[in-house]
Amino acid sequence: MSKETKEQRKTRLARERKQAQRDRERAHRAAVDAQEYRMEMYAGTRAELARICQAGQFEEPAEAITLLIHNAAELIERDPSRFAEILRARCHA
C-alpha cells in the first residue's frame, strides 16, 4: 500500500467534496422536479430582460423570469383582462 502525500490527500479530499456537492445538487433538483429550459433570445429581448433585471434589481435573469412567470400566472386568476393586455402581440417592424 503506497502512502498518500499531503498534496495527493488534499487533491483527493477536494475531489470528494466536489462529488458530494454534485450529489447534493442532483438530489435537490430531483426533489423539486427541476427541468432545464433553454431558448434562443434575440438582441432586443436580451436588452428588455436586462432592463427588467436592472429595474427589479435582479442579479440573475433566471430569477426575474421565474418571478414574471409566477406573477403572470397569478394575474390570470386576479385580472384576466390585464393578463390579456400584457400578452397582446406587438408589431416588431
Protein backbone atom coordinates (compact mmCIF):
# COMPACT_ATOMS: atom_id res chain seq x y z
CA MET A 1 0.00 0.00 0.00
CA SER A 2 1.52 3.30 -1.05
CA LYS A 3 1.42 6.20 1.32
CA GLU A 4 -0.55 9.22 0.16
CA THR A 5 1.37 12.50 0.06
CA LYS A 6 -0.03 15.66 1.59
CA GLU A 7 -0.72 17.09 -1.88
CA GLN A 8 -2.43 13.88 -3.03
CA ARG A 9 -4.58 13.85 0.09
CA LYS A 10 -5.54 17.48 -0.48
CA THR A 11 -6.49 16.69 -4.10
CA ARG A 12 -8.46 13.58 -3.10
CA LEU A 13 -10.40 15.43 -0.40
CA ALA A 14 -11.22 18.28 -2.78
CA ARG A 15 -12.44 15.75 -5.36
CA GLU A 16 -14.60 14.02 -2.74
CA ARG A 17 -16.08 17.34 -1.55
CA LYS A 18 -16.91 18.31 -5.13
CA GLN A 19 -18.55 14.94 -5.78
CA ALA A 20 -20.59 15.27 -2.59
CA GLN A 21 -21.69 18.75 -3.71
CA ARG A 22 -22.73 17.40 -7.12
CA ASP A 23 -24.65 14.58 -5.45
CA ARG A 24 -26.50 17.05 -3.16
CA GLU A 25 -27.36 19.31 -6.10
CA ARG A 26 -28.59 16.35 -8.17
CA ALA A 27 -30.76 15.15 -5.25
CA HIS A 28 -32.17 18.65 -4.75
CA ARG A 29 -33.03 19.03 -8.46
CA ALA A 30 -34.77 15.65 -8.37
CA ALA A 31 -36.68 16.55 -5.18
CA VAL A 32 -38.04 19.80 -6.64
CA ASP A 33 -38.59 18.24 -10.10
CA ALA A 34 -36.31 20.81 -11.74
CA GLN A 35 -36.04 20.92 -15.52
CA GLU A 36 -33.55 22.95 -17.50
CA TYR A 37 -35.12 25.15 -20.16
CA ARG A 38 -33.07 26.64 -22.98
CA MET A 39 -34.27 29.14 -25.52
CA GLU A 40 -32.94 31.34 -28.26
CA MET A 41 -33.16 35.03 -27.36
CA TYR A 42 -32.61 37.87 -29.80
CA ALA A 43 -30.81 41.12 -29.02
CA GLY A 44 -33.97 43.16 -28.41
CA THR A 45 -35.35 40.59 -25.98
CA ARG A 46 -32.00 40.38 -24.16
CA ALA A 47 -31.98 44.18 -23.83
CA GLU A 48 -35.50 44.18 -22.40
CA LEU A 49 -34.60 41.40 -19.97
CA ALA A 50 -31.55 43.40 -18.86
CA ARG A 51 -33.83 46.41 -18.34
CA ILE A 52 -36.22 44.30 -16.24
CA CYS A 53 -33.29 42.95 -14.20
CA GLN A 54 -31.98 46.44 -13.60
CA ALA A 55 -35.38 47.87 -12.63
CA GLY A 56 -36.11 44.92 -10.32
CA GLN A 57 -32.53 44.77 -9.01
CA PHE A 58 -32.21 41.12 -10.02
CA GLU A 59 -28.71 39.69 -10.13
CA GLU A 60 -29.77 36.68 -12.18
CA PRO A 61 -32.03 36.87 -15.25
CA ALA A 62 -33.49 33.46 -14.34
CA GLU A 63 -34.77 34.95 -11.08
CA ALA A 64 -36.57 37.73 -12.97
CA ILE A 65 -38.04 35.29 -15.48
CA THR A 66 -39.27 32.98 -12.70
CA LEU A 67 -40.92 35.86 -10.86
CA LEU A 68 -42.53 37.15 -14.07
CA ILE A 69 -43.96 33.70 -14.82
CA HIS A 70 -45.42 33.27 -11.34
CA ASN A 71 -46.87 36.78 -11.27
CA ALA A 72 -48.37 36.36 -14.75
CA ALA A 73 -49.99 33.10 -13.65
CA GLU A 74 -51.42 34.86 -10.59
CA LEU A 75 -52.72 37.66 -12.82
CA ILE A 76 -54.74 35.14 -14.86
CA GLU A 77 -56.83 34.48 -11.74
CA ARG A 78 -56.91 38.01 -10.40
CA ASP A 79 -57.48 40.06 -13.57
CA PRO A 80 -57.71 38.11 -16.85
CA SER A 81 -58.14 41.27 -18.93
CA ARG A 82 -54.84 42.72 -17.61
CA PHE A 83 -53.18 39.40 -18.36
CA ALA A 84 -54.52 39.52 -21.93
CA GLU A 85 -53.31 43.12 -22.23
CA ILE A 86 -49.72 42.37 -21.26
CA LEU A 87 -49.59 39.40 -23.64
CA ARG A 88 -51.08 41.06 -26.69
CA ALA A 89 -48.85 40.81 -29.74
CA ARG A 90 -46.79 43.87 -30.61
CA CYS A 91 -45.54 44.84 -34.02
CA HIS A 92 -41.75 44.47 -34.09
CA ALA A 93 -41.26 46.02 -37.54
